[in-house]
């Protein structure tokens, strides 16, 4: 009986404990809900403010970039450029020496290639022999002129002697004809007459000899002219042979770096055959800008140059000049725009940009390297 009386009391005690526990939990839940409710309204405005600030920063950065970028024009169709001299022989022959190494820097006037000179040396010796022969012929012709001049002088002297003899003979002849025929013999008259006519004949012969001597002198003068022409021809042949011999030694016409070698010792080369190239030391940039970018570009404007081969350095330069025609105008096959299938394409104009930077010598810039130039137009 006692056990039955105490069991309901224990159940009541357990129920009250559960009720108090539920009430405590409900109080804790009630106290937590107001704190979460207070935090949610605070987090939402913070997210919105952060988003607005980020958007404003992006817009501001974009506006700043646009304001800065509108003062520049740029292109990635640009390359380092340089003058390149293609070397070729002017005479045929076998290469006996290469006096340079691949990619070596050479100076103007430096010996680069030697070609076997023996054939050309023989031709020069032959030309010199002909030259000496022509000079000897000239001296002989000049001696003939002197001799013919002496003959002419002698002939003219004979003319003067015969003129004196004729004068004396004529005086004797006239004297014998003027005196009484009975005072002289017939033989004396005939002798004076014959002497007179003989003196006339000798004078005529002397005068003819003078004409012949003059003709011979003129012929000797013509021979001198011919001999002088032969000497000039021989001199020209000797000079040409000497020039051909000099071509057996190829010198560097400019300073630069050897590139694209296509010859070895022992090769037989012909005139005009490409042997190698010399890339000269000067460098500049050829930038192909679109025609729509050229409105505000002028010579002398500052340029910032970014070269892919030297990414850590920004070079400085200036606009030098503009090619007087687009690339398509000078192409091998220009566009035929007069056809019915014309499609407008934005053209590009090569612009020459020169370096204005002392650091250029510290870097190896080769023709063809990619460049990105930025030109300040405002």
Protein backbone atom coordinates (compact mmCIF):
# COMPACT_ATOMS: atom_id res chain seq x y z
CA UNK A 1 0.00 0.00 0.00
CA UNK A 2 2.79 2.42 0.80
CA UNK A 3 4.44 1.74 -2.51
CA UNK A 4 1.28 2.51 -4.37
CA UNK A 5 0.85 5.76 -2.46
CA UNK A 6 4.44 7.07 -3.30
CA UNK A 7 4.52 6.30 -7.05
CA UNK A 8 2.10 9.10 -8.10
CA UNK A 9 4.10 11.59 -6.10
CA UNK A 10 7.29 10.63 -7.97
CA UNK A 11 5.60 11.03 -11.31
CA UNK A 12 4.47 14.51 -10.32
CA UNK A 13 7.99 15.44 -9.35
CA UNK A 14 9.38 14.22 -12.70
CA UNK A 15 6.72 16.14 -14.61
CA UNK A 16 7.58 19.31 -12.77
CA UNK A 17 11.30 18.82 -13.55
CA UNK A 18 10.56 18.32 -17.27
CA UNK A 19 8.31 21.37 -17.24
CA UNK A 20 11.01 23.50 -15.61
CA UNK A 21 13.60 22.25 -18.11
CA UNK A 22 11.35 23.05 -21.09
CA UNK A 23 10.67 26.47 -19.65
CA UNK A 24 14.41 27.12 -19.28
CA UNK A 25 15.09 26.05 -22.84
CA UNK A 26 12.27 28.24 -24.11
CA UNK A 27 13.78 31.16 -22.23
CA UNK A 28 17.16 30.53 -23.85
CA UNK A 29 15.57 30.27 -27.29
CA UNK A 30 13.64 33.42 -26.67
CA UNK A 31 16.73 35.25 -25.58
CA UNK A 32 18.68 34.05 -28.70
CA UNK A 33 16.04 35.01 -31.23
CA UNK A 34 16.16 38.73 -30.52
CA UNK A 35 20.00 38.73 -30.98
CA UNK A 36 19.76 37.05 -34.46
CA UNK A 37 16.96 39.35 -35.40
CA UNK A 38 19.16 42.34 -34.54
CA UNK A 39 22.15 41.05 -36.56
CA UNK A 40 20.32 40.24 -39.83
CA UNK A 41 19.34 43.85 -40.57
CA UNK A 42 22.90 44.94 -39.90
CA UNK A 43 24.55 42.42 -42.29
CA UNK A 44 22.43 43.24 -45.36
CA UNK A 45 23.35 46.97 -45.54
CA UNK A 46 27.05 46.06 -45.13
CA UNK A 47 26.92 43.75 -48.16
CA UNK A 48 25.20 46.42 -50.21
CA UNK A 49 27.69 49.07 -49.19
CA UNK A 50 30.62 46.80 -50.04
CA UNK A 51 29.16 46.05 -53.48
CA UNK A 52 28.55 49.72 -54.20
CA UNK A 53 32.09 50.65 -53.17
CA UNK A 54 33.56 47.92 -55.40
CA UNK A 55 31.40 49.04 -58.31
CA UNK A 56 32.45 52.66 -57.82
CA UNK A 57 36.12 51.62 -57.71
CA UNK A 58 35.74 49.61 -60.92
CA UNK A 59 33.96 52.48 -62.67
CA UNK A 60 36.50 54.97 -61.40
CA UNK A 61 39.38 52.77 -62.55
CA UNK A 62 37.77 52.32 -65.95
CA UNK A 63 37.21 56.07 -66.33
CA UNK A 64 40.81 56.79 -65.26
CA UNK A 65 42.13 54.20 -67.72
CA UNK A 66 40.01 55.65 -70.51
CA UNK A 67 41.15 59.19 -69.74
CA UNK A 68 44.75 57.98 -69.82
CA UNK A 69 44.39 55.66 -72.81
CA UNK A 70 42.74 58.26 -75.04
CA UNK A 71 46.02 60.20 -75.03
CA UNK A 72 47.87 57.24 -76.63
CA UNK A 73 47.60 55.12 -79.75
CA UNK A 74 49.21 51.72 -79.87
CA UNK A 75 49.59 48.66 -82.06
CA UNK A 76 51.07 45.21 -81.76
CA UNK A 77 51.90 45.13 -85.49
CA UNK A 78 55.39 46.60 -85.03
CA UNK A 79 58.89 45.22 -85.35
CA UNK A 80 62.52 46.18 -84.85
CA UNK A 81 64.04 47.14 -88.20
CA UNK A 82 67.57 47.73 -89.57
CA UNK A 83 69.39 48.18 -92.87
CA UNK A 84 70.63 44.87 -94.22
CA UNK A 85 73.39 44.66 -96.84
CA UNK A 86 73.35 41.50 -98.94
CA UNK A 87 76.89 40.47 -99.90
CA UNK A 88 77.62 38.83 -103.26
CA UNK A 89 80.82 38.35 -105.31
CA UNK A 90 81.55 40.38 -108.44
CA UNK A 91 83.78 37.72 -110.00
CA UNK A 92 83.57 33.97 -110.33
CA UNK A 93 86.03 31.73 -108.55
CA UNK A 94 86.68 29.33 -105.72
CA UNK A 95 86.59 30.62 -102.15
CA UNK A 96 89.96 30.18 -100.47
CA UNK A 97 89.34 31.95 -97.15
CA UNK A 98 86.53 33.16 -94.89
CA UNK A 99 87.93 35.81 -92.56
CA UNK A 100 84.93 35.99 -90.22
CA UNK A 101 82.85 33.84 -87.89
CA UNK A 102 79.09 33.43 -87.72
CA UNK A 103 77.31 36.35 -86.06
CA UNK A 104 80.59 38.29 -85.77
CA UNK A 105 80.59 42.08 -85.70
CA UNK A 106 82.75 43.54 -88.49
CA UNK A 107 83.97 47.01 -89.31
CA UNK A 108 83.78 48.79 -92.67
CA UNK A 109 86.81 47.90 -94.81
CA UNK A 110 87.54 44.63 -93.01
CA UNK A 111 88.52 41.65 -95.19
CA UNK A 112 85.74 39.06 -95.22
CA UNK A 113 86.25 36.65 -98.14
CA UNK A 114 89.13 35.78 -100.47
CA UNK A 115 88.60 34.18 -103.90
CA UNK A 116 91.37 32.39 -105.82
CA UNK A 117 93.12 35.28 -107.68
CA UNK A 118 95.46 33.37 -110.04
CA UNK A 119 93.31 33.61 -113.17
CA UNK A 120 92.76 37.31 -112.66
CA UNK A 121 96.45 37.91 -111.89
CA UNK A 122 97.37 36.30 -115.23
CA UNK A 123 94.86 38.52 -117.04
CA UNK A 124 96.35 41.55 -115.34
CA UNK A 125 99.88 40.56 -116.39
CA UNK A 126 98.71 40.12 -119.96
CA UNK A 127 97.00 43.51 -119.90
CA UNK A 128 100.15 45.14 -118.56
CA UNK A 129 102.21 43.59 -121.37
CA UNK A 130 99.78 44.95 -123.95
CA UNK A 131 99.97 48.27 -122.20
CA UNK A 132 103.76 48.33 -122.49
CA UNK A 133 103.56 47.34 -126.17
CA UNK A 134 101.09 50.14 -126.85
CA UNK A 135 103.32 52.66 -125.14
CA UNK A 136 106.29 51.52 -127.23
CA UNK A 137 104.20 51.92 -130.37
CA UNK A 138 103.32 55.43 -129.29
CA UNK A 139 106.96 56.33 -128.80
CA UNK A 140 107.77 54.93 -132.24
CA UNK A 141 104.99 56.95 -133.82
CA UNK A 142 106.23 60.08 -132.14
CA UNK A 143 109.76 59.38 -133.47
CA UNK A 144 108.30 59.07 -136.96
CA UNK A 145 106.72 62.48 -136.55
CA UNK A 146 110.09 63.96 -135.63
CA UNK A 147 111.76 62.29 -138.64
CA UNK A 148 109.05 63.43 -141.04
CA UNK A 149 109.30 66.93 -139.66
CA UNK A 150 113.03 66.87 -140.41
CA UNK A 151 112.32 65.67 -143.96
CA UNK A 152 109.86 68.50 -144.40
CA UNK A 153 112.39 71.02 -143.16
CA UNK A 154 114.99 69.64 -145.55
CA UNK A 155 112.55 69.79 -148.45
CA UNK A 156 111.68 73.37 -147.66
CA UNK A 157 115.40 74.20 -147.51
CA UNK A 158 115.89 72.61 -150.95
CA UNK A 159 113.06 74.77 -152.23
CA UNK A 160 114.86 77.88 -151.04
CA UNK A 161 118.17 76.70 -152.64
CA UNK A 162 116.42 75.98 -155.93
CA UNK A 163 114.71 79.33 -155.83
CA UNK A 164 118.15 80.99 -155.51
CA UNK A 165 119.52 78.89 -158.36
CA UNK A 166 116.54 79.76 -160.50
CA UNK A 167 116.98 83.43 -159.77
CA UNK A 168 120.63 83.32 -160.87
CA UNK A 169 119.80 81.26 -163.94
CA UNK A 170 117.01 83.65 -164.87
CA UNK A 171 119.35 86.65 -164.51
CA UNK A 172 121.96 84.98 -166.77
CA UNK A 173 119.30 84.05 -169.25
CA UNK A 174 117.90 87.57 -169.34
CA UNK A 175 121.39 89.04 -169.66
CA UNK A 176 122.30 86.89 -172.65
CA UNK A 177 119.01 87.74 -174.33
CA UNK A 178 119.46 91.47 -173.76
CA UNK A 179 122.97 91.88 -175.27
CA UNK A 180 123.88 91.87 -178.93
CA UNK A 181 123.63 88.38 -180.34
CA UNK A 182 126.93 88.96 -182.22
CA UNK A 183 128.69 89.67 -178.87
CA UNK A 184 128.17 86.12 -177.52
CA UNK A 185 128.24 82.73 -179.00
CA UNK A 186 125.19 80.65 -179.66
CA UNK A 187 126.47 78.04 -177.30
CA UNK A 188 126.56 80.46 -174.37
CA UNK A 189 122.95 81.45 -175.03
CA UNK A 190 121.84 77.84 -175.22
CA UNK A 191 123.69 77.03 -172.01
CA UNK A 192 122.06 79.92 -170.15
CA UNK A 193 118.66 78.91 -171.47
CA UNK A 194 119.13 75.31 -170.44
CA UNK A 195 120.37 76.30 -167.02
CA UNK A 196 117.34 78.53 -166.54
CA UNK A 197 114.83 75.84 -167.49
CA UNK A 198 116.68 73.29 -165.39
CA UNK A 199 116.49 75.55 -162.34
CA UNK A 200 112.74 75.89 -162.87
CA UNK A 201 112.35 72.13 -163.01
CA UNK A 202 114.44 71.61 -159.86
CA UNK A 203 112.33 74.21 -158.04
CA UNK A 204 109.12 72.46 -159.05
CA UNK A 205 110.56 69.14 -157.90
CA UNK A 206 111.61 70.64 -154.57
CA UNK A 207 108.17 72.05 -154.05
CA UNK A 208 106.64 68.66 -154.81
CA UNK A 209 108.99 67.11 -152.26
CA UNK A 210 107.75 69.60 -149.69
CA UNK A 211 104.17 68.51 -150.36
CA UNK A 212 105.15 64.86 -149.98
CA UNK A 213 107.00 65.57 -146.74
CA UNK A 214 103.98 67.37 -145.36
CA UNK A 215 101.74 64.42 -146.28
CA UNK A 216 104.13 62.03 -144.56
CA UNK A 217 104.20 64.28 -141.50
CA UNK A 218 100.40 64.27 -141.38
CA UNK A 219 100.40 60.47 -141.67
CA UNK A 220 102.91 60.24 -138.85
CA UNK A 221 100.67 62.50 -136.74
CA UNK A 222 97.71 60.19 -137.44
CA UNK A 223 99.82 57.24 -136.36
CA UNK A 224 100.56 59.05 -133.13
CA UNK A 225 96.85 59.53 -132.52
CA UNK A 226 96.21 55.85 -133.25
CA UNK A 227 99.04 54.85 -130.94
CA UNK A 228 97.67 57.10 -128.20
CA UNK A 229 94.24 55.47 -128.61
CA UNK A 230 95.85 52.05 -128.31
CA UNK A 231 97.64 53.18 -125.17
CA UNK A 232 94.36 54.40 -123.69
CA UNK A 233 92.70 51.10 -124.53
CA UNK A 234 95.60 49.18 -123.02
CA UNK A 235 95.43 51.35 -119.90
CA UNK A 236 91.69 50.70 -119.64
CA UNK A 237 92.22 46.95 -120.07
CA UNK A 238 94.91 46.97 -117.39
CA UNK A 239 92.69 48.98 -115.04
CA UNK A 240 89.79 46.58 -115.66
CA UNK A 241 92.03 43.57 -115.03
CA UNK A 242 93.33 45.19 -111.85
CA UNK A 243 89.77 45.90 -110.74
CA UNK A 244 88.73 42.31 -111.41
CA UNK A 245 91.70 41.14 -109.37
CA UNK A 246 90.70 43.42 -106.50
CA UNK A 247 87.22 41.85 -106.49
CA UNK A 248 88.86 38.58 -105.41
CA UNK A 249 89.10 40.15 -101.95
CA UNK A 250 85.66 41.02 -100.57
CA UNK A 251 85.69 43.82 -98.00
CA UNK A 252 82.93 44.87 -95.62
CA UNK A 253 81.23 47.94 -97.15
CA UNK A 254 79.59 48.89 -93.84
CA UNK A 255 79.90 48.11 -90.16
CA UNK A 256 77.51 45.52 -88.80
CA UNK A 257 76.95 41.91 -87.79
CA UNK A 258 77.30 38.89 -90.06
CA UNK A 259 74.05 37.01 -90.63
CA UNK A 260 72.62 34.29 -92.86
CA UNK A 261 75.93 32.82 -94.09
CA UNK A 262 75.53 30.58 -97.15
CA UNK A 263 79.16 30.02 -98.21
CA UNK A 264 82.05 27.82 -97.08
CA UNK A 265 85.70 27.56 -98.02
CA UNK A 266 86.07 25.61 -101.26
CA UNK A 267 82.72 26.65 -102.74
CA UNK A 268 82.76 27.93 -106.34
CA UNK A 269 80.81 31.16 -106.44
CA UNK A 270 79.41 33.22 -109.32
CA UNK A 271 78.79 36.95 -109.65
CA UNK A 272 75.61 37.98 -107.86
CA UNK A 273 75.36 34.81 -105.76
CA UNK A 274 74.18 35.53 -102.19
CA UNK A 275 76.95 34.71 -99.71
CA UNK A 276 75.81 36.33 -96.45
CA UNK A 277 74.27 39.50 -95.08
CA UNK A 278 75.54 42.32 -92.90
CA UNK A 279 72.97 43.75 -90.49
CA UNK A 280 74.00 47.33 -89.88
CA UNK A 281 74.25 48.77 -86.38
CA UNK A 282 71.43 51.33 -86.55
CA UNK A 283 68.04 50.21 -85.22
CA UNK A 284 64.56 51.65 -85.48
CA UNK A 285 60.97 50.44 -85.27
CA UNK A 286 58.56 50.05 -88.16
CA UNK A 287 55.01 50.17 -86.76
CA UNK A 288 52.03 49.44 -88.99
CA UNK A 289 49.23 51.62 -87.62
CA UNK A 290 45.67 51.49 -88.83
CA UNK A 291 44.66 54.44 -90.98
CA UNK A 292 42.01 55.28 -88.37
CA UNK A 293 44.79 55.89 -85.80
CA UNK A 294 46.74 58.45 -87.83
CA UNK A 295 44.57 61.55 -87.40
CA UNK A 296 46.52 63.00 -84.46
CA UNK A 297 49.94 61.48 -85.12
CA UNK A 298 52.78 63.86 -86.01
CA UNK A 299 56.58 63.54 -86.44
CA UNK A 300 58.42 64.24 -83.21
CA UNK A 301 55.80 62.81 -80.83
CA UNK A 302 57.10 60.79 -77.87
CA UNK A 303 56.81 57.02 -78.00
CA UNK A 304 57.09 54.36 -75.31
CA UNK A 305 58.39 51.08 -76.72
CA UNK A 306 57.83 47.68 -75.12
CA UNK A 307 59.93 44.93 -76.70
CA UNK A 308 59.02 41.32 -76.07
CA UNK A 309 62.69 40.30 -75.95
CA UNK A 310 63.38 42.82 -73.15
CA UNK A 311 60.18 42.77 -71.07
CA UNK A 312 61.73 44.50 -68.07
CA UNK A 313 62.76 47.65 -69.97
CA UNK A 314 60.60 50.35 -71.51
CA UNK A 315 62.48 52.16 -74.26
CA UNK A 316 61.82 55.70 -75.42
CA UNK A 317 61.67 57.01 -78.95
CA UNK A 318 59.97 59.48 -81.23
CA UNK A 319 57.99 59.39 -84.44
CA UNK A 320 60.35 60.02 -87.36
CA UNK A 321 58.33 59.76 -90.57
CA UNK A 322 55.41 58.17 -92.38
CA UNK A 323 55.65 56.00 -95.47
CA UNK A 324 53.90 57.75 -98.41
CA UNK A 325 51.64 54.79 -99.07
CA UNK A 326 49.99 51.89 -97.30
CA UNK A 327 51.47 48.43 -97.27
CA UNK A 328 49.02 47.17 -99.88
CA UNK A 329 50.03 49.96 -102.28
CA UNK A 330 53.59 48.59 -102.43
CA UNK A 331 52.76 44.89 -102.34
CA UNK A 332 53.76 42.59 -105.19
CA UNK A 333 50.10 42.10 -106.13
CA UNK A 334 48.20 45.30 -105.23
CA UNK A 335 44.49 44.98 -104.57
CA UNK A 336 42.32 45.57 -107.64
CA UNK A 337 39.66 47.80 -106.13
CA UNK A 338 38.06 48.63 -109.47
CA UNK A 339 36.26 45.29 -109.52
CA UNK A 340 32.67 44.69 -108.54
CA UNK A 341 33.65 42.56 -105.54
CA UNK A 342 35.19 45.39 -103.55
CA UNK A 343 35.18 45.00 -99.77
CA UNK A 344 36.49 47.85 -97.66
CA UNK A 345 39.37 46.82 -95.42
CA UNK A 346 41.06 49.10 -92.93
CA UNK A 347 44.55 49.73 -94.31
CA UNK A 348 47.78 50.03 -92.36
CA UNK A 349 50.51 52.62 -92.89
CA UNK A 350 54.14 51.92 -91.88
CA UNK A 351 55.44 54.54 -89.43
CA UNK A 352 59.15 54.85 -88.70
CA UNK A 353 60.00 55.31 -85.03
CA UNK A 354 63.60 56.04 -84.02
CA UNK A 355 65.06 55.19 -80.64
CA UNK A 356 65.92 58.06 -78.31
CA UNK A 357 67.48 55.97 -75.58
CA UNK A 358 71.10 55.45 -74.51
CA UNK A 359 70.27 52.00 -73.12
CA UNK A 360 69.85 50.60 -76.60
CA UNK A 361 73.52 49.58 -76.82
CA UNK A 362 73.13 47.44 -73.70
CA UNK A 363 70.61 45.11 -75.35
CA UNK A 364 70.81 42.95 -78.45
CA UNK A 365 67.89 43.99 -80.59
CA UNK A 366 67.60 42.11 -83.86
CA UNK A 367 65.46 42.99 -86.88
CA UNK A 368 62.07 41.31 -86.72
CA UNK A 369 61.67 41.39 -82.94
CA UNK A 370 58.13 42.24 -81.85
CA UNK A 371 57.48 45.71 -80.40
CA UNK A 372 54.43 47.39 -78.91
CA UNK A 373 54.75 51.17 -79.37
CA UNK A 374 52.52 53.63 -77.49
CA UNK A 375 52.50 57.11 -79.02
CA UNK A 376 51.34 60.08 -76.96
CA UNK A 377 49.10 62.08 -79.26
CA UNK A 378 47.79 64.61 -76.69
